[in-house]
Amino acid sequence: MGLTGKLMISLCGFLLSMAAPPAYAQLGGSQQDAASIINGMPPDVLAKVRSLAQILQQGLKDGKISDADIQQGLTSGQLGEKLKQLSPEAGQLLEEISDASRQGKGPGEESLMPLMGGLGISPN
């Protein structure tokens, strides 16, 4: 799986971290779970997730953010703020993806729980 794919997976995990209650325990996941989630996204939501992944990828390339920053952002719930610092477009994309998810157009919380575990992230 390429870097963009991994970033898309991280972003999916991030979306759940914004909405998941702290009572959930860490669950296991796999790349198959992640691929299934990504493949199940509506095209418009997937395009937005890809755009966010590209913003992250460019930030990594330019040295504006590191893998450690991304992991820390995911675990602390601050990845959204880090993304907004990379690009003004990121804030709008995050809002649109979150809205789509709340409206049932994106991956649901239940389908993202195994992905979070696969990323080594506990929503606690």
PDB file of N, CA and C in Angstrom:
ATOM      1  N   MET A   1       0.856  -1.175   0.000  1.00  0.00           N
ATOM      2  CA  MET A   1       0.000   0.000   0.000  1.00  0.00           C
ATOM      3  C   MET A   1       0.896   1.229   0.000  1.00  0.00           C
ATOM      4  N   GLY A   2       0.602   2.191  -0.849  1.00  0.00           N
ATOM      5  CA  GLY A   2       1.413   3.393  -0.981  1.00  0.00           C
ATOM      6  C   GLY A   2       1.172   4.377   0.144  1.00  0.00           C
ATOM      7  N   LEU A   3       1.992   5.411   0.140  1.00  0.00           N
ATOM      8  CA  LEU A   3       1.901   6.426   1.178  1.00  0.00           C
ATOM      9  C   LEU A   3       0.538   7.095   1.194  1.00  0.00           C
ATOM     10  N   THR A   4       0.014   7.426   0.023  1.00  0.00           N
ATOM     11  CA  THR A   4      -1.300   8.074  -0.014  1.00  0.00           C
ATOM     12  C   THR A   4      -2.361   7.169   0.585  1.00  0.00           C
ATOM     13  N   GLY A   5      -2.307   5.870   0.285  1.00  0.00           N
ATOM     14  CA  GLY A   5      -3.257   4.925   0.865  1.00  0.00           C
ATOM     15  C   GLY A   5      -3.155   4.883   2.376  1.00  0.00           C
ATOM     16  N   LYS A   6      -1.933   4.888   2.888  1.00  0.00           N
ATOM     17  CA  LYS A   6      -1.740   4.876   4.339  1.00  0.00           C
ATOM     18  C   LYS A   6      -2.258   6.170   4.959  1.00  0.00           C
ATOM     19  N   LEU A   7      -2.034   7.276   4.283  1.00  0.00           N
ATOM     20  CA  LEU A   7      -2.543   8.543   4.799  1.00  0.00           C
ATOM     21  C   LEU A   7      -4.061   8.564   4.789  1.00  0.00           C
ATOM     22  N   MET A   8      -4.659   7.990   3.750  1.00  0.00           N
ATOM     23  CA  MET A   8      -6.124   7.915   3.701  1.00  0.00           C
ATOM     24  C   MET A   8      -6.643   7.085   4.864  1.00  0.00           C
ATOM     25  N   ILE A   9      -5.956   5.995   5.172  1.00  0.00           N
ATOM     26  CA  ILE A   9      -6.352   5.156   6.301  1.00  0.00           C
ATOM     27  C   ILE A   9      -6.238   5.949   7.597  1.00  0.00           C
ATOM     28  N   SER A  10      -5.142   6.685   7.752  1.00  0.00           N
ATOM     29  CA  SER A  10      -4.977   7.505   8.949  1.00  0.00           C
ATOM     30  C   SER A  10      -6.096   8.527   9.073  1.00  0.00           C
ATOM     31  N   LEU A  11      -6.478   9.111   7.953  1.00  0.00           N
ATOM     32  CA  LEU A  11      -7.562  10.090   7.984  1.00  0.00           C
ATOM     33  C   LEU A  11      -8.886   9.453   8.355  1.00  0.00           C
ATOM     34  N   CYS A  12      -9.124   8.250   7.874  1.00  0.00           N
ATOM     35  CA  CYS A  12     -10.348   7.545   8.281  1.00  0.00           C
ATOM     36  C   CYS A  12     -10.343   7.341   9.789  1.00  0.00           C
ATOM     37  N   GLY A  13      -9.202   6.950  10.326  1.00  0.00           N
ATOM     38  CA  GLY A  13      -9.080   6.782  11.769  1.00  0.00           C
ATOM     39  C   GLY A  13      -9.317   8.088  12.504  1.00  0.00           C
ATOM     40  N   PHE A  14      -8.813   9.157  11.940  1.00  0.00           N
ATOM     41  CA  PHE A  14      -9.011  10.472  12.540  1.00  0.00           C
ATOM     42  C   PHE A  14     -10.484  10.835  12.613  1.00  0.00           C
ATOM     43  N   LEU A  15     -11.228  10.536  11.556  1.00  0.00           N
ATOM     44  CA  LEU A  15     -12.653  10.855  11.543  1.00  0.00           C
ATOM     45  C   LEU A  15     -13.368  10.185  12.698  1.00  0.00           C
ATOM     46  N   LEU A  16     -13.010   8.956  12.974  1.00  0.00           N
ATOM     47  CA  LEU A  16     -13.635   8.273  14.095  1.00  0.00           C
ATOM     48  C   LEU A  16     -13.204   8.888  15.416  1.00  0.00           C
ATOM     49  N   SER A  17     -11.950   9.270  15.522  1.00  0.00           N
ATOM     50  CA  SER A  17     -11.469   9.804  16.795  1.00  0.00           C
ATOM     51  C   SER A  17     -12.217  11.071  17.190  1.00  0.00           C
ATOM     52  N   MET A  18     -12.789  11.777  16.206  1.00  0.00           N
ATOM     53  CA  MET A  18     -13.559  12.980  16.519  1.00  0.00           C
ATOM     54  C   MET A  18     -14.922  12.629  17.101  1.00  0.00           C
ATOM     55  N   ALA A  19     -15.448  11.446  16.785  1.00  0.00           N
ATOM     56  CA  ALA A  19     -16.818  11.124  17.164  1.00  0.00           C
ATOM     57  C   ALA A  19     -16.942  10.001  18.182  1.00  0.00           C
ATOM     58  N   ALA A  20     -15.902   9.232  18.405  1.00  0.00           N
ATOM     59  CA  ALA A  20     -16.020   8.029  19.242  1.00  0.00           C
ATOM     60  C   ALA A  20     -16.056   8.382  20.722  1.00  0.00           C
ATOM     61  N   PRO A  21     -16.983   7.762  21.455  1.00  0.00           N
ATOM     62  CA  PRO A  21     -16.997   7.949  22.898  1.00  0.00           C
ATOM     63  C   PRO A  21     -15.783   7.272  23.531  1.00  0.00           C
ATOM     64  N   PRO A  22     -15.294   7.781  24.656  1.00  0.00           N
ATOM     65  CA  PRO A  22     -14.085   7.235  25.255  1.00  0.00           C
ATOM     66  C   PRO A  22     -14.227   5.828  25.820  1.00  0.00           C
ATOM     67  N   ALA A  23     -15.430   5.291  25.911  1.00  0.00           N
ATOM     68  CA  ALA A  23     -15.613   3.974  26.515  1.00  0.00           C
ATOM     69  C   ALA A  23     -15.189   2.825  25.612  1.00  0.00           C
ATOM     70  N   TYR A  24     -14.962   3.072  24.328  1.00  0.00           N
ATOM     71  CA  TYR A  24     -14.589   1.989  23.425  1.00  0.00           C
ATOM     72  C   TYR A  24     -13.205   1.455  23.758  1.00  0.00           C
ATOM     73  N   ALA A  25     -13.067   0.150  23.662  1.00  0.00           N
ATOM     74  CA  ALA A  25     -11.764  -0.484  23.853  1.00  0.00           C
ATOM     75  C   ALA A  25     -11.088  -0.615  22.496  1.00  0.00           C
ATOM     76  N   GLN A  26      -9.772  -0.719  22.529  1.00  0.00           N
ATOM     77  CA  GLN A  26      -9.030  -0.889  21.280  1.00  0.00           C
ATOM     78  C   GLN A  26      -9.345  -2.250  20.679  1.00  0.00           C
ATOM     79  N   LEU A  27      -9.637  -2.270  19.376  1.00  0.00           N
ATOM     80  CA  LEU A  27      -9.940  -3.498  18.658  1.00  0.00           C
ATOM     81  C   LEU A  27      -8.878  -3.741  17.608  1.00  0.00           C
ATOM     82  N   GLY A  28      -8.733  -4.993  17.144  1.00  0.00           N
ATOM     83  CA  GLY A  28      -7.776  -5.304  16.085  1.00  0.00           C
ATOM     84  C   GLY A  28      -8.353  -4.970  14.732  1.00  0.00           C
ATOM     85  N   GLY A  29      -7.495  -4.762  13.753  1.00  0.00           N
ATOM     86  CA  GLY A  29      -7.925  -4.468  12.397  1.00  0.00           C
ATOM     87  C   GLY A  29      -6.875  -4.920  11.413  1.00  0.00           C
ATOM     88  N   SER A  30      -7.158  -4.773  10.144  1.00  0.00           N
ATOM     89  CA  SER A  30      -6.219  -5.201   9.125  1.00  0.00           C
ATOM     90  C   SER A  30      -6.284  -4.268   7.936  1.00  0.00           C
ATOM     91  N   GLN A  31      -5.342  -4.454   7.013  1.00  0.00           N
ATOM     92  CA  GLN A  31      -5.373  -3.665   5.786  1.00  0.00           C
ATOM     93  C   GLN A  31      -6.614  -4.000   4.975  1.00  0.00           C
ATOM     94  N   GLN A  32      -7.104  -5.243   5.090  1.00  0.00           N
ATOM     95  CA  GLN A  32      -8.335  -5.610   4.383  1.00  0.00           C
ATOM     96  C   GLN A  32      -9.508  -4.803   4.923  1.00  0.00           C
ATOM     97  N   ASP A  33      -9.567  -4.633   6.241  1.00  0.00           N
ATOM     98  CA  ASP A  33     -10.620  -3.802   6.834  1.00  0.00           C
ATOM     99  C   ASP A  33     -10.532  -2.384   6.281  1.00  0.00           C
ATOM    100  N   ALA A  34      -9.318  -1.862   6.242  1.00  0.00           N
ATOM    101  CA  ALA A  34      -9.116  -0.501   5.752  1.00  0.00           C
ATOM    102  C   ALA A  34      -9.519  -0.378   4.293  1.00  0.00           C
ATOM    103  N   ALA A  35      -9.091  -1.327   3.477  1.00  0.00           N
ATOM    104  CA  ALA A  35      -9.434  -1.286   2.053  1.00  0.00           C
ATOM    105  C   ALA A  35     -10.940  -1.364   1.871  1.00  0.00           C
ATOM    106  N   SER A  36     -11.599  -2.183   2.676  1.00  0.00           N
ATOM    107  CA  SER A  36     -13.049  -2.318   2.596  1.00  0.00           C
ATOM    108  C   SER A  36     -13.736  -0.996   2.931  1.00  0.00           C
ATOM    109  N   ILE A  37     -13.247  -0.318   3.949  1.00  0.00           N
ATOM    110  CA  ILE A  37     -13.818   0.966   4.343  1.00  0.00           C
ATOM    111  C   ILE A  37     -13.627   1.994   3.240  1.00  0.00           C
ATOM    112  N   ILE A  38     -12.415   2.068   2.719  1.00  0.00           N
ATOM    113  CA  ILE A  38     -12.121   3.040   1.664  1.00  0.00           C
ATOM    114  C   ILE A  38     -12.936   2.744   0.420  1.00  0.00           C
ATOM    115  N   ASN A  39     -13.013   1.467   0.036  1.00  0.00           N
ATOM    116  CA  ASN A  39     -13.777   1.095  -1.158  1.00  0.00           C
ATOM    117  C   ASN A  39     -15.270   1.331  -0.983  1.00  0.00           C
ATOM    118  N   GLY A  40     -15.752   1.345   0.268  1.00  0.00           N
ATOM    119  CA  GLY A  40     -17.168   1.553   0.531  1.00  0.00           C
ATOM    120  C   GLY A  40     -17.579   3.015   0.628  1.00  0.00           C
ATOM    121  N   MET A  41     -16.612   3.908   0.545  1.00  0.00           N
ATOM    122  CA  MET A  41     -16.939   5.333   0.639  1.00  0.00           C
ATOM    123  C   MET A  41     -17.592   5.824  -0.645  1.00  0.00           C
ATOM    124  N   PRO A  42     -18.554   6.725  -0.521  1.00  0.00           N
ATOM    125  CA  PRO A  42     -19.106   7.360  -1.725  1.00  0.00           C
ATOM    126  C   PRO A  42     -17.990   8.126  -2.444  1.00  0.00           C
ATOM    127  N   PRO A  43     -18.068   8.228  -3.766  1.00  0.00           N
ATOM    128  CA  PRO A  43     -16.993   8.883  -4.526  1.00  0.00           C
ATOM    129  C   PRO A  43     -16.671  10.306  -4.069  1.00  0.00           C
ATOM    130  N   ASP A  44     -17.691  11.076  -3.690  1.00  0.00           N
ATOM    131  CA  ASP A  44     -17.414  12.454  -3.275  1.00  0.00           C
ATOM    132  C   ASP A  44     -16.657  12.510  -1.949  1.00  0.00           C
ATOM    133  N   VAL A  45     -16.992  11.612  -1.020  1.00  0.00           N
ATOM    134  CA  VAL A  45     -16.293  11.570   0.265  1.00  0.00           C
ATOM    135  C   VAL A  45     -14.870  11.058   0.053  1.00  0.00           C
ATOM    136  N   LEU A  46     -14.721  10.026  -0.764  1.00  0.00           N
ATOM    137  CA  LEU A  46     -13.399   9.478  -1.049  1.00  0.00           C
ATOM    138  C   LEU A  46     -12.501  10.541  -1.686  1.00  0.00           C
ATOM    139  N   ALA A  47     -13.048  11.339  -2.574  1.00  0.00           N
ATOM    140  CA  ALA A  47     -12.264  12.405  -3.212  1.00  0.00           C
ATOM    141  C   ALA A  47     -11.768  13.409  -2.167  1.00  0.00           C
ATOM    142  N   LYS A  48     -12.601  13.700  -1.186  1.00  0.00           N
ATOM    143  CA  LYS A  48     -12.202  14.642  -0.134  1.00  0.00           C
ATOM    144  C   LYS A  48     -11.135  14.034   0.767  1.00  0.00           C
ATOM    145  N   VAL A  49     -11.281  12.745   1.089  1.00  0.00           N
ATOM    146  CA  VAL A  49     -10.269  12.065   1.898  1.00  0.00           C
ATOM    147  C   VAL A  49      -8.947  12.034   1.129  1.00  0.00           C
ATOM    148  N   ARG A  50      -9.026  11.770  -0.172  1.00  0.00           N
ATOM    149  CA  ARG A  50      -7.807  11.775  -1.001  1.00  0.00           C
ATOM    150  C   ARG A  50      -7.152  13.157  -1.000  1.00  0.00           C
ATOM    151  N   SER A  51      -7.962  14.194  -1.080  1.00  0.00           N
ATOM    152  CA  SER A  51      -7.412  15.555  -1.059  1.00  0.00           C
ATOM    153  C   SER A  51      -6.690  15.825   0.258  1.00  0.00           C
ATOM    154  N   LEU A  52      -7.280  15.383   1.368  1.00  0.00           N
ATOM    155  CA  LEU A  52      -6.615  15.539   2.660  1.00  0.00           C
ATOM    156  C   LEU A  52      -5.323  14.734   2.704  1.00  0.00           C
ATOM    157  N   ALA A  53      -5.355  13.527   2.155  1.00  0.00           N
ATOM    158  CA  ALA A  53      -4.149  12.695   2.120  1.00  0.00           C
ATOM    159  C   ALA A  53      -3.052  13.383   1.312  1.00  0.00           C
ATOM    160  N   GLN A  54      -3.432  14.027   0.228  1.00  0.00           N
ATOM    161  CA  GLN A  54      -2.444  14.735  -0.591  1.00  0.00           C
ATOM    162  C   GLN A  54      -1.864  15.935   0.153  1.00  0.00           C
ATOM    163  N   ILE A  55      -2.700  16.615   0.928  1.00  0.00           N
ATOM    164  CA  ILE A  55      -2.207  17.728   1.743  1.00  0.00           C
ATOM    165  C   ILE A  55      -1.194  17.208   2.753  1.00  0.00           C
ATOM    166  N   LEU A  56      -1.520  16.090   3.396  1.00  0.00           N
ATOM    167  CA  LEU A  56      -0.589  15.485   4.349  1.00  0.00           C
ATOM    168  C   LEU A  56       0.693  15.045   3.658  1.00  0.00           C
ATOM    169  N   GLN A  57       0.550  14.402   2.514  1.00  0.00           N
ATOM    170  CA  GLN A  57       1.711  13.917   1.775  1.00  0.00           C
ATOM    171  C   GLN A  57       2.630  15.082   1.399  1.00  0.00           C
ATOM    172  N   GLN A  58       2.053  16.179   0.941  1.00  0.00           N
ATOM    173  CA  GLN A  58       2.859  17.349   0.586  1.00  0.00           C
ATOM    174  C   GLN A  58       3.530  17.928   1.826  1.00  0.00           C
ATOM    175  N   GLY A  59       2.799  17.945   2.945  1.00  0.00           N
ATOM    176  CA  GLY A  59       3.382  18.421   4.197  1.00  0.00           C
ATOM    177  C   GLY A  59       4.558  17.573   4.637  1.00  0.00           C
ATOM    178  N   LEU A  60       4.438  16.245   4.459  1.00  0.00           N
ATOM    179  CA  LEU A  60       5.550  15.345   4.767  1.00  0.00           C
ATOM    180  C   LEU A  60       6.732  15.630   3.849  1.00  0.00           C
ATOM    181  N   LYS A  61       6.456  15.772   2.580  1.00  0.00           N
ATOM    182  CA  LYS A  61       7.504  16.017   1.580  1.00  0.00           C
ATOM    183  C   LYS A  61       8.233  17.332   1.870  1.00  0.00           C
ATOM    184  N   ASP A  62       7.475  18.350   2.251  1.00  0.00           N
ATOM    185  CA  ASP A  62       8.048  19.670   2.519  1.00  0.00           C
ATOM    186  C   ASP A  62       8.663  19.780   3.916  1.00  0.00           C
ATOM    187  N   GLY A  63       8.524  18.740   4.729  1.00  0.00           N
ATOM    188  CA  GLY A  63       9.075  18.761   6.078  1.00  0.00           C
ATOM    189  C   GLY A  63       8.255  19.584   7.062  1.00  0.00           C
ATOM    190  N   LYS A  64       7.018  19.887   6.713  1.00  0.00           N
ATOM    191  CA  LYS A  64       6.151  20.676   7.596  1.00  0.00           C
ATOM    192  C   LYS A  64       5.484  19.819   8.665  1.00  0.00           C
ATOM    193  N   ILE A  65       5.466  18.510   8.442  1.00  0.00           N
ATOM    194  CA  ILE A  65       4.872  17.567   9.392  1.00  0.00           C
ATOM    195  C   ILE A  65       5.633  16.254   9.257  1.00  0.00           C
ATOM    196  N   SER A  66       5.703  15.501  10.345  1.00  0.00           N
ATOM    197  CA  SER A  66       6.411  14.216  10.326  1.00  0.00           C
ATOM    198  C   SER A  66       5.431  13.081  10.608  1.00  0.00           C
ATOM    199  N   ASP A  67       5.885  11.854  10.359  1.00  0.00           N
ATOM    200  CA  ASP A  67       5.063  10.693  10.700  1.00  0.00           C
ATOM    201  C   ASP A  67       4.716  10.707  12.184  1.00  0.00           C
ATOM    202  N   ALA A  68       5.690  11.087  13.015  1.00  0.00           N
ATOM    203  CA  ALA A  68       5.449  11.147  14.460  1.00  0.00           C
ATOM    204  C   ALA A  68       4.381  12.195  14.789  1.00  0.00           C
ATOM    205  N   ASP A  69       4.413  13.327  14.074  1.00  0.00           N
ATOM    206  CA  ASP A  69       3.388  14.364  14.283  1.00  0.00           C
ATOM    207  C   ASP A  69       2.000  13.828  13.948  1.00  0.00           C
ATOM    208  N   ILE A  70       1.915  13.056  12.852  1.00  0.00           N
ATOM    209  CA  ILE A  70       0.630  12.491  12.435  1.00  0.00           C
ATOM    210  C   ILE A  70       0.122  11.516  13.483  1.00  0.00           C
ATOM    211  N   GLN A  71       0.992  10.602  13.930  1.00  0.00           N
ATOM    212  CA  GLN A  71       0.588   9.624  14.946  1.00  0.00           C
ATOM    213  C   GLN A  71       0.175  10.323  16.235  1.00  0.00           C
ATOM    214  N   GLN A  72       0.966  11.308  16.646  1.00  0.00           N
ATOM    215  CA  GLN A  72       0.628  12.053  17.861  1.00  0.00           C
ATOM    216  C   GLN A  72      -0.698  12.790  17.689  1.00  0.00           C
ATOM    217  N   GLY A  73      -0.910  13.367  16.513  1.00  0.00           N
ATOM    218  CA  GLY A  73      -2.165  14.062  16.240  1.00  0.00           C
ATOM    219  C   GLY A  73      -3.357  13.140  16.299  1.00  0.00           C
ATOM    220  N   LEU A  74      -3.183  11.917  15.789  1.00  0.00           N
ATOM    221  CA  LEU A  74      -4.266  10.933  15.840  1.00  0.00           C
ATOM    222  C   LEU A  74      -4.583  10.536  17.273  1.00  0.00           C
ATOM    223  N   THR A  75      -3.545  10.250  18.049  1.00  0.00           N
ATOM    224  CA  THR A  75      -3.785   9.771  19.411  1.00  0.00           C
ATOM    225  C   THR A  75      -4.265  10.881  20.340  1.00  0.00           C
ATOM    226  N   SER A  76      -3.866  12.120  20.060  1.00  0.00           N
ATOM    227  CA  SER A  76      -4.267  13.227  20.930  1.00  0.00           C
ATOM    228  C   SER A  76      -5.563  13.893  20.487  1.00  0.00           C
ATOM    229  N   GLY A  77      -6.017  13.561  19.271  1.00  0.00           N
ATOM    230  CA  GLY A  77      -7.205  14.211  18.745  1.00  0.00           C
ATOM    231  C   GLY A  77      -6.917  15.580  18.149  1.00  0.00           C
ATOM    232  N   GLN A  78      -5.649  15.904  17.948  1.00  0.00           N
ATOM    233  CA  GLN A  78      -5.260  17.217  17.438  1.00  0.00           C
ATOM    234  C   GLN A  78      -4.846  17.210  15.967  1.00  0.00           C
ATOM    235  N   LEU A  79      -5.068  16.092  15.260  1.00  0.00           N
ATOM    236  CA  LEU A  79      -4.651  16.027  13.863  1.00  0.00           C
ATOM    237  C   LEU A  79      -5.382  17.068  13.018  1.00  0.00           C
ATOM    238  N   GLY A  80      -6.625  17.330  13.330  1.00  0.00           N
ATOM    239  CA  GLY A  80      -7.376  18.334  12.587  1.00  0.00           C
ATOM    240  C   GLY A  80      -6.700  19.691  12.635  1.00  0.00           C
ATOM    241  N   GLU A  81      -6.223  20.073  13.809  1.00  0.00           N
ATOM    242  CA  GLU A  81      -5.526  21.355  13.945  1.00  0.00           C
ATOM    243  C   GLU A  81      -4.229  21.355  13.152  1.00  0.00           C
ATOM    244  N   LYS A  82      -3.516  20.246  13.184  1.00  0.00           N
ATOM    245  CA  LYS A  82      -2.269  20.142  12.419  1.00  0.00           C
ATOM    246  C   LYS A  82      -2.549  20.249  10.924  1.00  0.00           C
ATOM    247  N   LEU A  83      -3.626  19.611  10.478  1.00  0.00           N
ATOM    248  CA  LEU A  83      -3.985  19.681   9.060  1.00  0.00           C
ATOM    249  C   LEU A  83      -4.342  21.104   8.656  1.00  0.00           C
ATOM    250  N   LYS A  84      -5.084  21.785   9.505  1.00  0.00           N
ATOM    251  CA  LYS A  84      -5.481  23.166   9.203  1.00  0.00           C
ATOM    252  C   LYS A  84      -4.263  24.080   9.086  1.00  0.00           C
ATOM    253  N   GLN A  85      -3.211  23.775   9.850  1.00  0.00           N
ATOM    254  CA  GLN A  85      -1.984  24.562   9.768  1.00  0.00           C
ATOM    255  C   GLN A  85      -1.250  24.319   8.452  1.00  0.00           C
ATOM    256  N   LEU A  86      -1.422  23.134   7.880  1.00  0.00           N
ATOM    257  CA  LEU A  86      -0.767  22.812   6.612  1.00  0.00           C
ATOM    258  C   LEU A  86      -1.429  23.509   5.435  1.00  0.00           C
ATOM    259  N   SER A  87      -2.759  23.637   5.486  1.00  0.00           N
ATOM    260  CA  SER A  87      -3.484  24.192   4.348  1.00  0.00           C
ATOM    261  C   SER A  87      -4.849  24.703   4.793  1.00  0.00           C
ATOM    262  N   PRO A  88      -5.218  25.893   4.344  1.00  0.00           N
ATOM    263  CA  PRO A  88      -6.556  26.401   4.669  1.00  0.00           C
ATOM    264  C   PRO A  88      -7.658  25.499   4.105  1.00  0.00           C
ATOM    265  N   GLU A  89      -7.378  24.844   2.992  1.00  0.00           N
ATOM    266  CA  GLU A  89      -8.354  23.945   2.371  1.00  0.00           C
ATOM    267  C   GLU A  89      -8.672  22.752   3.276  1.00  0.00           C
ATOM    268  N   ALA A  90      -7.715  22.350   4.096  1.00  0.00           N
ATOM    269  CA  ALA A  90      -7.895  21.170   4.944  1.00  0.00           C
ATOM    270  C   ALA A  90      -9.062  21.331   5.909  1.00  0.00           C
ATOM    271  N   GLY A  91      -9.219  22.499   6.495  1.00  0.00           N
ATOM    272  CA  GLY A  91     -10.319  22.730   7.425  1.00  0.00           C
ATOM    273  C   GLY A  91     -11.672  22.529   6.775  1.00  0.00           C
ATOM    274  N   GLN A  92     -11.823  23.062   5.577  1.00  0.00           N
ATOM    275  CA  GLN A  92     -13.081  22.903   4.840  1.00  0.00           C
ATOM    276  C   GLN A  92     -13.323  21.438   4.497  1.00  0.00           C
ATOM    277  N   LEU A  93     -12.272  20.750   4.046  1.00  0.00           N
ATOM    278  CA  LEU A  93     -12.420  19.330   3.707  1.00  0.00           C
ATOM    279  C   LEU A  93     -12.812  18.511   4.933  1.00  0.00           C
ATOM    280  N   LEU A  94     -12.164  18.774   6.069  1.00  0.00           N
ATOM    281  CA  LEU A  94     -12.496  18.059   7.304  1.00  0.00           C
ATOM    282  C   LEU A  94     -13.957  18.267   7.677  1.00  0.00           C
ATOM    283  N   GLU A  95     -14.411  19.495   7.567  1.00  0.00           N
ATOM    284  CA  GLU A  95     -15.804  19.800   7.903  1.00  0.00           C
ATOM    285  C   GLU A  95     -16.765  19.057   6.973  1.00  0.00           C
ATOM    286  N   GLU A  96     -16.466  19.064   5.678  1.00  0.00           N
ATOM    287  CA  GLU A  96     -17.334  18.397   4.706  1.00  0.00           C
ATOM    288  C   GLU A  96     -17.347  16.884   4.911  1.00  0.00           C
ATOM    289  N   ILE A  97     -16.197  16.296   5.211  1.00  0.00           N
ATOM    290  CA  ILE A  97     -16.131  14.847   5.446  1.00  0.00           C
ATOM    291  C   ILE A  97     -16.896  14.495   6.717  1.00  0.00           C
ATOM    292  N   SER A  98     -16.706  15.287   7.766  1.00  0.00           N
ATOM    293  CA  SER A  98     -17.420  15.035   9.023  1.00  0.00           C
ATOM    294  C   SER A  98     -18.926  15.152   8.835  1.00  0.00           C
ATOM    295  N   ASP A  99     -19.357  16.178   8.102  1.00  0.00           N
ATOM    296  CA  ASP A  99     -20.788  16.348   7.831  1.00  0.00           C
ATOM    297  C   ASP A  99     -21.340  15.158   7.059  1.00  0.00           C
ATOM    298  N   ALA A 100     -20.610  14.711   6.047  1.00  0.00           N
ATOM    299  CA  ALA A 100     -21.057  13.559   5.251  1.00  0.00           C
ATOM    300  C   ALA A 100     -21.165  12.318   6.123  1.00  0.00           C
ATOM    301  N   SER A 101     -20.206  12.138   7.021  1.00  0.00           N
ATOM    302  CA  SER A 101     -20.227  10.974   7.904  1.00  0.00           C
ATOM    303  C   SER A 101     -21.427  11.035   8.844  1.00  0.00           C
ATOM    304  N   ARG A 102     -21.697  12.215   9.399  1.00  0.00           N
ATOM    305  CA  ARG A 102     -22.852  12.368  10.296  1.00  0.00           C
ATOM    306  C   ARG A 102     -24.165  12.130   9.561  1.00  0.00           C
ATOM    307  N   GLN A 103     -24.199  12.424   8.268  1.00  0.00           N
ATOM    308  CA  GLN A 103     -25.401  12.225   7.461  1.00  0.00           C
ATOM    309  C   GLN A 103     -25.492  10.805   6.913  1.00  0.00           C
ATOM    310  N   GLY A 104     -24.566   9.946   7.318  1.00  0.00           N
ATOM    311  CA  GLY A 104     -24.597   8.556   6.876  1.00  0.00           C
ATOM    312  C   GLY A 104     -24.009   8.327   5.500  1.00  0.00           C
ATOM    313  N   LYS A 105     -23.311   9.311   4.957  1.00  0.00           N
ATOM    314  CA  LYS A 105     -22.742   9.178   3.618  1.00  0.00           C
ATOM    315  C   LYS A 105     -21.328   8.613   3.636  1.00  0.00           C
ATOM    316  N   GLY A 106     -20.695   8.630   4.771  1.00  0.00           N
ATOM    317  CA  GLY A 106     -19.331   8.129   4.880  1.00  0.00           C
ATOM    318  C   GLY A 106     -19.304   6.874   5.723  1.00  0.00           C
ATOM    319  N   PRO A 107     -18.102   6.421   6.049  1.00  0.00           N
ATOM    320  CA  PRO A 107     -18.001   5.224   6.881  1.00  0.00           C
ATOM    321  C   PRO A 107     -18.559   5.501   8.272  1.00  0.00           C
ATOM    322  N   GLY A 108     -19.284   4.541   8.803  1.00  0.00           N
ATOM    323  CA  GLY A 108     -19.854   4.686  10.128  1.00  0.00           C
ATOM    324  C   GLY A 108     -18.849   4.358  11.212  1.00  0.00           C
ATOM    325  N   GLU A 109     -19.162   4.782  12.403  1.00  0.00           N
ATOM    326  CA  GLU A 109     -18.288   4.566  13.548  1.00  0.00           C
ATOM    327  C   GLU A 109     -17.973   3.086  13.742  1.00  0.00           C
ATOM    328  N   GLU A 110     -18.987   2.230  13.609  1.00  0.00           N
ATOM    329  CA  GLU A 110     -18.779   0.799  13.833  1.00  0.00           C
ATOM    330  C   GLU A 110     -17.785   0.212  12.841  1.00  0.00           C
ATOM    331  N   SER A 111     -17.830   0.663  11.587  1.00  0.00           N
ATOM    332  CA  SER A 111     -16.916   0.107  10.595  1.00  0.00           C
ATOM    333  C   SER A 111     -15.500   0.636  10.773  1.00  0.00           C
ATOM    334  N   LEU A 112     -15.348   1.780  11.421  1.00  0.00           N
ATOM    335  CA  LEU A 112     -14.014   2.341  11.605  1.00  0.00           C
ATOM    336  C   LEU A 112     -13.315   1.840  12.868  1.00  0.00           C
ATOM    337  N   MET A 113     -14.044   1.257  13.798  1.00  0.00           N
ATOM    338  CA  MET A 113     -13.415   0.784  15.033  1.00  0.00           C
ATOM    339  C   MET A 113     -12.288  -0.212  14.770  1.00  0.00           C
ATOM    340  N   PRO A 114     -12.484  -1.234  13.910  1.00  0.00           N
ATOM    341  CA  PRO A 114     -11.363  -2.146  13.647  1.00  0.00           C
ATOM    342  C   PRO A 114     -10.175  -1.434  13.009  1.00  0.00           C
ATOM    343  N   LEU A 115     -10.436  -0.442  12.198  1.00  0.00           N
ATOM    344  CA  LEU A 115      -9.369   0.317  11.560  1.00  0.00           C
ATOM    345  C   LEU A 115      -8.551   1.064  12.603  1.00  0.00           C
ATOM    346  N   MET A 116      -9.211   1.656  13.561  1.00  0.00           N
ATOM    347  CA  MET A 116      -8.500   2.369  14.619  1.00  0.00           C
ATOM    348  C   MET A 116      -7.551   1.430  15.342  1.00  0.00           C
ATOM    349  N   GLY A 117      -8.036   0.234  15.671  1.00  0.00           N
ATOM    350  CA  GLY A 117      -7.182  -0.739  16.332  1.00  0.00           C
ATOM    351  C   GLY A 117      -6.008  -1.134  15.460  1.00  0.00           C
ATOM    352  N   GLY A 118      -6.254  -1.272  14.161  1.00  0.00           N
ATOM    353  CA  GLY A 118      -5.194  -1.636  13.225  1.00  0.00           C
ATOM    354  C   GLY A 118      -4.131  -0.567  13.112  1.00  0.00           C
ATOM    355  N   LEU A 119      -4.488   0.666  13.382  1.00  0.00           N
ATOM    356  CA  LEU A 119      -3.526   1.762  13.371  1.00  0.00           C
ATOM    357  C   LEU A 119      -2.809   1.877  14.711  1.00  0.00           C
ATOM    358  N   GLY A 120      -3.220   1.044  15.672  1.00  0.00           N
ATOM    359  CA  GLY A 120      -2.612   1.121  16.989  1.00  0.00           C
ATOM    360  C   GLY A 120      -3.135   2.295  17.791  1.00  0.00           C
ATOM    361  N   ILE A 121      -4.337   2.740  17.470  1.00  0.00           N
ATOM    362  CA  ILE A 121      -4.911   3.911  18.120  1.00  0.00           C
ATOM    363  C   ILE A 121      -6.109   3.480  18.946  1.00  0.00           C
ATOM    364  N   SER A 122      -6.093   3.833  20.201  1.00  0.00           N
ATOM    365  CA  SER A 122      -7.245   3.597  21.050  1.00  0.00           C
ATOM    366  C   SER A 122      -8.042   4.882  21.119  1.00  0.00           C
ATOM    367  N   PRO A 123      -9.357   4.823  20.878  1.00  0.00           N
ATOM    368  CA  PRO A 123     -10.151   6.041  20.961  1.00  0.00           C
ATOM    369  C   PRO A 123     -10.374   6.515  22.388  1.00  0.00           C
ATOM    370  N   ASN A 124      -9.729   5.880  23.350  1.00  0.00           N
ATOM    371  CA  ASN A 124      -9.857   6.301  24.750  1.00  0.00           C
ATOM    372  C   ASN A 124      -9.134   7.597  24.987  1.00  0.00           C
TER     373      ASN A 124
END
